[in-house]
Protein backbone atom coordinates (compact mmCIF):
# COMPACT_ATOMS: atom_id res chain seq x y z
CA MET A 1 -0.18 0.11 0.04
CA LYS A 2 1.36 3.63 -0.91
CA PHE A 3 1.87 5.34 2.37
CA ASP A 4 1.22 9.28 2.10
CA PRO A 5 1.42 11.19 5.36
CA SER A 6 -0.33 13.99 3.74
CA LEU A 7 -3.28 11.92 2.57
CA PRO A 8 -4.46 9.90 5.70
CA ILE A 9 -5.85 6.75 4.74
CA TYR A 10 -8.22 6.81 7.64
CA LYS A 11 -10.44 9.49 6.08
CA SER A 12 -11.75 6.76 3.75
CA LEU A 13 -15.11 5.26 4.87
CA LYS A 14 -13.87 1.84 3.49
CA TYR A 15 -10.85 1.99 5.50
CA ARG A 16 -12.83 3.12 8.74
CA LEU A 17 -15.15 0.02 8.22
CA GLY A 18 -12.46 -2.21 7.72
CA GLU A 19 -10.57 -1.30 10.89
CA ALA A 20 -13.63 -1.11 13.01
CA PHE A 21 -14.25 -4.62 11.98
CA LYS A 22 -10.63 -5.88 12.83
CA GLU A 23 -10.85 -4.27 16.33
CA GLY A 24 -9.87 -6.80 18.98
CA PRO A 25 -13.07 -6.69 20.86
CA ASN A 26 -15.34 -6.87 17.95
CA LEU A 27 -13.73 -9.87 16.49
CA VAL A 28 -13.95 -11.49 19.98
CA ALA A 29 -17.75 -10.67 20.36
CA LEU A 30 -18.54 -12.07 17.13
CA ALA A 31 -16.66 -15.27 17.88
CA GLY A 32 -18.66 -15.29 20.90
CA PHE A 33 -22.06 -15.19 19.16
CA VAL A 34 -20.97 -17.86 16.58
CA ALA A 35 -19.81 -20.05 19.47
CA ALA A 36 -22.85 -19.67 21.21
CA SER A 37 -24.83 -20.65 18.10
CA ALA A 38 -22.73 -23.62 17.43
CA ALA A 39 -22.93 -24.84 21.00
CA THR A 40 -26.83 -24.64 21.41
CA LEU A 41 -27.46 -25.44 17.71
CA ASN A 42 -29.76 -22.41 17.69
CA PRO A 43 -29.04 -19.74 14.91
CA ILE A 44 -30.58 -16.85 17.31
CA PRO A 45 -27.38 -15.92 18.88
CA LEU A 46 -25.83 -15.72 15.58
CA LEU A 47 -28.64 -13.60 14.28
CA VAL A 48 -28.54 -11.17 17.31
CA GLY A 49 -24.63 -10.91 16.62
CA LEU A 50 -25.01 -9.90 13.04
CA VAL A 51 -27.81 -7.33 14.20
CA ALA A 52 -25.39 -6.06 16.73
CA GLU A 53 -22.28 -5.88 14.23
CA ALA A 54 -24.56 -4.03 11.82
CA VAL A 55 -25.58 -1.33 14.15
CA TYR A 56 -21.71 -1.48 15.59
CA LEU A 57 -20.56 -0.69 12.03
CA LEU A 58 -22.98 2.05 11.27
CA PHE A 59 -22.33 4.26 14.09
CA VAL A 60 -18.66 3.76 15.50
CA PRO A 61 -16.60 4.29 12.59
CA ASP A 62 -18.22 7.89 11.99
CA THR A 63 -17.79 8.92 15.64
CA SER A 64 -15.36 11.70 16.64
CA TRP A 65 -13.89 9.06 19.10
CA TYR A 66 -13.01 6.57 16.54
CA GLU A 67 -11.60 9.12 14.21
CA LYS A 68 -9.24 10.29 16.97
CA ARG A 69 -8.20 6.47 17.79
CA LEU A 70 -7.24 6.05 14.12
CA GLN A 71 -5.58 9.40 13.90
CA SER A 72 -3.45 8.37 16.70
CA ARG A 73 -2.72 5.13 15.28
CA PHE A 74 -1.70 6.70 11.84
CA ASP A 75 0.89 9.38 13.54
CA GLY A 76 2.35 6.19 15.24
CA GLU A 77 2.65 4.59 11.71
CA VAL A 78 4.03 7.76 10.15
CA VAL A 79 6.68 8.12 12.73
CA GLU A 80 7.62 4.30 12.88
CA ARG A 81 7.67 4.52 8.83
CA ARG A 82 10.01 7.69 8.80
CA GLU A 83 12.43 6.10 11.67
CA ALA A 84 12.71 2.89 9.57
CA LEU A 85 13.68 5.12 6.41
CA LYS A 86 16.02 7.26 8.55
CA ALA A 87 17.79 4.20 9.49
CA GLN A 88 18.08 2.98 5.97
CA THR A 89 19.36 6.52 4.57
CA PHE A 90 21.54 7.82 7.09
CA PRO A 91 24.61 4.84 6.52
CA ILE A 92 24.78 5.90 2.65
CA VAL A 93 24.61 9.90 3.02
CA ARG A 94 27.20 12.41 4.22
CA LYS A 95 27.14 14.16 7.57
CA GLU A 96 25.80 17.22 6.38
CA ILE A 97 22.65 15.65 5.28
CA ARG A 98 22.25 13.74 8.51
CA GLN A 99 22.47 17.29 10.20
CA GLU A 100 20.25 18.97 8.45
CA PHE A 101 17.55 16.07 8.61
CA SER A 102 17.92 16.29 12.52
CA ARG A 103 17.37 19.95 12.36
CA LEU A 104 14.38 19.48 10.19
CA GLU A 105 13.08 17.25 13.10
CA GLN A 106 13.61 19.96 15.79
CA VAL A 107 11.81 22.53 13.56
CA ARG A 108 9.04 20.32 12.93
CA SER A 109 8.60 19.74 16.92
CA GLN A 110 8.72 23.50 17.24
CA ILE A 111 5.92 23.87 14.87
CA GLU A 112 3.91 21.36 16.29
CA GLY A 113 4.59 22.97 19.77
CA GLN A 114 2.60 26.19 18.64
CA SER A 115 -0.46 23.87 17.99
CA ARG A 116 -3.85 25.78 17.45
CA GLY A 117 -5.88 23.51 19.41
CA GLU A 118 -7.77 20.85 17.43
CA GLU A 119 -7.70 23.07 14.29
CA GLY A 120 -8.14 20.50 11.22
CA TRP A 121 -5.83 22.88 9.09
CA PHE A 122 -3.00 22.71 11.32
CA ARG A 123 -3.15 18.94 11.52
CA GLU A 124 -3.41 18.92 7.55
CA ALA A 125 -0.07 21.03 7.49
CA MET A 126 1.68 18.91 10.01
CA ARG A 127 0.66 15.66 7.59
CA LYS A 128 2.12 17.56 4.76
CA LEU A 129 5.32 18.56 6.49
CA ASP A 130 5.73 14.83 7.50
CA PHE A 131 5.22 14.16 3.85
CA LEU A 132 8.08 16.42 2.81
CA MET A 133 10.31 14.95 5.95
CA GLU A 134 9.78 11.49 3.97
CA LYS A 135 10.62 12.91 0.74
CA TYR A 136 13.95 14.67 2.10
CA LEU A 137 15.20 11.37 3.29
CA GLN A 138 13.96 9.60 0.02
CA PHE A 139 15.83 12.56 -2.15
CA ALA A 140 18.92 12.01 0.12
CA GLN A 141 18.91 8.52 -0.51
CA LYS A 142 18.44 8.92 -4.13
CA GLU A 143 21.26 11.54 -4.45
CA ALA A 144 23.59 9.03 -2.89
CA GLN A 145 22.70 6.16 -5.26
CA PHE A 146 23.04 8.23 -8.34
CA ALA A 147 26.43 9.60 -7.08
CA SER A 148 27.48 5.94 -6.73
CA TYR A 149 26.14 5.23 -10.01
CA LEU A 150 28.02 8.20 -11.71
CA MET A 151 31.27 7.16 -9.81
CA SER A 152 30.82 3.36 -11.05
CA VAL A 153 30.68 4.97 -14.79
CA TYR A 154 33.25 7.40 -14.20
CA ALA A 155 35.63 4.53 -12.99
CA GLU A 156 34.71 2.77 -16.21
CA VAL A 157 35.60 5.25 -18.34
CA TYR A 158 38.59 6.69 -16.54
CA GLU A 159 40.26 3.61 -17.21
CA LYS A 160 39.77 3.85 -20.78
CA ILE A 161 41.05 7.40 -21.16
CA PRO A 162 44.40 7.73 -22.98
CA ALA A 163 47.15 8.44 -20.17
CA ALA A 164 48.28 11.54 -22.16
CA ASP A 165 44.71 13.15 -21.44
CA ARG A 166 44.31 12.21 -17.64
CA ARG A 167 46.24 15.04 -16.52
CA SER A 168 43.05 17.51 -15.99
CA VAL A 169 41.08 14.49 -14.71
CA THR A 170 40.54 13.69 -11.30
CA PRO A 171 41.25 9.84 -10.62
CA PRO A 172 38.28 8.20 -9.16
CA MET A 173 39.89 7.18 -5.90
CA MET A 174 40.43 10.97 -5.19
CA MET A 175 36.86 11.91 -5.78
CA GLY A 176 34.24 11.85 -3.18
CA SER A 177 34.15 12.65 0.63
CA ALA A 178 37.11 11.27 2.92
CA PRO A 179 36.29 10.96 6.47
CA PRO A 180 37.73 13.69 8.88
CA LYS A 181 41.24 12.93 10.42
CA THR A 182 41.56 12.07 14.02
CA ARG A 183 44.23 11.86 16.36
CA LYS A 184 45.81 8.63 17.13
CA GLY A 185 43.47 6.71 19.58
CA GLU A 186 40.75 9.25 19.36
CA ARG A 187 37.06 7.81 18.28
CA ASN A 188 35.23 9.47 15.33
CA ASP A 189 31.69 8.67 15.48
CA ASP A 190 30.89 9.87 11.79
CA GLU A 191 33.99 7.83 10.36
CA THR A 192 32.00 4.81 9.14
CA PRO A 193 29.17 6.49 7.59
CA ASP A 194 31.21 9.06 5.73
CA SER A 195 33.85 6.80 4.49
CA ALA A 196 31.43 5.32 2.21
CA ALA A 197 29.49 8.71 1.13
CA LEU A 198 30.28 10.60 -1.78
CA ASN A 199 29.87 14.47 -1.47
CA PRO A 200 27.96 15.35 -4.79
CA SER A 201 28.42 19.15 -4.99
CA PRO A 202 27.43 20.78 -8.05
CA GLU A 203 31.04 21.18 -9.01
CA TRP A 204 31.66 17.28 -8.56
CA VAL A 205 28.68 16.32 -10.61
CA GLU A 206 29.53 18.79 -13.24
CA GLU A 207 33.23 17.48 -13.56
CA VAL A 208 32.49 13.63 -13.45
CA ALA A 209 29.47 14.09 -16.22
CA PHE A 210 31.71 16.08 -18.28
CA THR A 211 34.50 13.90 -18.25
CA ILE A 212 32.01 10.79 -19.05
CA SER A 213 30.35 12.94 -21.98
CA SER A 214 33.76 14.00 -23.41
CA TYR A 215 34.92 10.18 -23.53
CA TYR A 216 31.56 9.14 -25.18
CA GLU A 217 32.04 11.88 -27.65
CA TYR A 218 35.69 10.87 -28.33
CA GLU A 219 34.27 7.44 -28.76
CA LEU A 220 31.45 8.38 -30.96
CA ARG A 221 34.11 10.40 -33.29
CA THR A 222 36.35 7.55 -33.64
CA LEU A 223 33.51 5.08 -34.35
CA ASP A 224 32.59 7.60 -37.23
CA GLU A 225 35.86 7.53 -38.64
CA SER A 226 36.17 4.02 -38.66
CA ILE A 227 32.61 3.53 -40.18
CA GLN A 228 33.46 5.74 -43.20
CA SER A 229 36.74 3.66 -43.85
CA GLU A 230 35.10 0.20 -43.13
CA THR A 231 34.25 -1.78 -46.22
CA VAL A 232 32.29 -4.79 -44.62
CA VAL A 233 28.84 -3.80 -44.30
CA ALA A 234 28.20 -6.10 -41.42
CA ASN A 235 31.11 -4.35 -39.39
CA GLN A 236 29.58 -1.04 -40.26
CA ASN A 237 26.25 -2.27 -38.89
CA LEU A 238 27.85 -3.21 -35.50
CA MET A 239 29.85 0.25 -35.19
CA SER A 240 26.71 2.05 -35.94
CA LYS A 241 24.65 -0.07 -33.40
CA ARG A 242 27.44 0.68 -30.65
CA GLN A 243 27.03 4.54 -31.74
CA GLN A 244 23.46 4.52 -30.81
CA ILE A 245 24.26 2.90 -27.32
CA LEU A 246 26.91 5.47 -26.50
CA ASN A 247 24.46 8.28 -27.58
CA ARG A 248 21.81 6.77 -25.26
CA ARG A 249 24.53 6.45 -22.60
CA LYS A 250 25.68 9.82 -22.91
CA GLU A 251 22.17 11.27 -22.82
CA PHE A 252 21.59 9.35 -19.76
CA ILE A 253 24.50 10.77 -17.92
CA THR A 254 23.17 14.11 -18.93
CA ARG A 255 19.91 13.36 -17.40
CA VAL A 256 21.10 11.76 -14.27
CA SER A 257 23.44 15.06 -13.67
CA GLN A 258 20.48 17.29 -14.42
CA ILE A 259 18.34 15.46 -11.83
CA MET A 260 21.25 15.57 -9.12
CA SER A 261 21.30 19.43 -9.33
CA ASN A 262 17.42 19.27 -8.94
CA LEU A 263 17.52 17.31 -5.82
CA GLY A 264 20.08 19.33 -4.17
CA LEU A 265 18.04 22.39 -4.88
CA GLN A 266 14.85 20.66 -3.84
CA MET A 267 16.11 19.65 -0.58
CA ARG A 268 17.27 23.17 0.30
CA LEU A 269 13.99 24.37 -0.74
CA MET A 270 12.40 22.03 1.66
CA ALA A 271 14.77 22.98 4.56
CA ASP A 272 13.82 26.55 3.78
CA THR A 273 10.12 25.97 3.89
CA PHE A 274 10.35 24.15 7.20
CA GLY A 275 11.83 27.46 8.32
CA LEU A 276 9.49 29.99 6.69
CA ILE A 277 6.35 28.00 8.36
CA ASN A 278 8.26 27.99 11.85
CA ASP A 279 8.30 31.91 11.42
CA GLU A 280 4.85 32.73 10.17
CA ILE A 281 2.60 29.94 11.25
CA ARG A 282 1.03 32.27 13.72
CA ALA A 283 1.25 35.30 11.70
CA ARG A 284 -0.44 34.09 8.23
CA SER A 285 -3.64 32.53 7.53
CA PRO A 286 -4.28 28.77 7.29
CA GLU A 287 -4.90 29.17 3.80
CA GLN A 288 -1.33 30.84 3.00
CA VAL A 289 0.33 28.31 5.38
CA LEU A 290 -1.15 25.29 3.48
CA SER A 291 -0.73 27.11 -0.08
CA ASP A 292 3.21 27.71 1.09
CA ILE A 293 3.57 23.95 1.68
CA ASP A 294 1.59 22.92 -1.08
CA ASP A 295 3.72 24.54 -3.52
CA VAL A 296 6.69 22.48 -2.51
CA ILE A 297 4.73 19.31 -2.30
CA ILE A 298 3.77 19.91 -6.01
CA GLN A 299 7.45 20.36 -7.10
CA ALA A 300 8.71 17.55 -4.97
CA THR A 301 6.23 15.17 -6.56
CA SER A 302 7.14 16.03 -9.86
CA LEU A 303 10.87 15.64 -9.26
CA THR A 304 9.60 12.02 -7.73
CA GLU A 305 8.24 11.14 -11.22
CA ALA A 306 11.15 12.04 -13.20
CA ILE A 307 13.50 10.07 -10.84
CA ASP A 308 11.29 7.13 -11.01
CA GLU A 309 11.61 7.04 -14.82
CA ILE A 310 15.36 6.95 -14.52
CA THR A 311 16.12 4.76 -11.41
CA PRO A 312 15.24 1.25 -13.06
CA MET A 313 18.01 2.19 -15.69
CA THR A 314 20.87 3.09 -13.09
CA GLU A 315 19.93 -0.18 -10.95
CA VAL A 316 20.37 -2.33 -14.11
CA VAL A 317 23.75 -0.66 -14.98
CA ALA A 318 24.61 -1.17 -11.34
CA ASN A 319 23.91 -4.60 -11.18
CA LEU A 320 25.83 -5.29 -14.30
CA SER A 321 29.03 -3.41 -13.23
């Protein structure tokens, strides 16, 4: 089931009916009526149970008490899901991302502390902020995965660059983020995560993407010259096919680098939005607050769709490497 904190599923009547039916006391009561009917060989207890069940499902799921119960349960699921995503994401991202997310958690707590009673719009705003927090973690995870993908292709290309042309190209092992140095015997709690994390700054992405694209352009020119001089049609066809593949790989690298740039900008926008809401939630109208958050959600959703289009290809290439 797709889980979206900004669209709580308990608002669905079908969901509320299902959850009400699955409540422990309700199932125990139903089982009791069935057992009584079976023990006495009399259908009346079962019929009474069915009538009671119909009355229960008709009234209880729509009560404010039951909605609050589902709200509390949903809140717990949101926190549990976010903590699981955090545990999955933190080991593969750089320290700056972990620190920024911890700050977002603090800002969210501050916003929640400004709660304006049981107003529905405030709860909706908190749901949307929860959605953005999950998106932040997902984007951080994708950024790390795409950086790893770019590095794997870069390492593959680097080995094929003529030695004379390598002077201006940074060796793969020299790129990324190294763990901070410590004095002998001093423990560094962040050393393990950062030792495996790349630092995909815009400059890093630009240099890696440029180098990879330059290599593909060189190969494409070489293939074009070879095709012109090749007299065997079958060989020409094979080289033309390779040209098509290299062109597609070059285009794909460009798309990945563009999305990585968008990821960094989107994550900074999310962080700034949390600060803005914390600053102005008491000064602005509910409509303005929700509109500010919705604008960021729309952009985050669009970026998610773009990421989903290219993610399968990066996974395939990574598995083949």
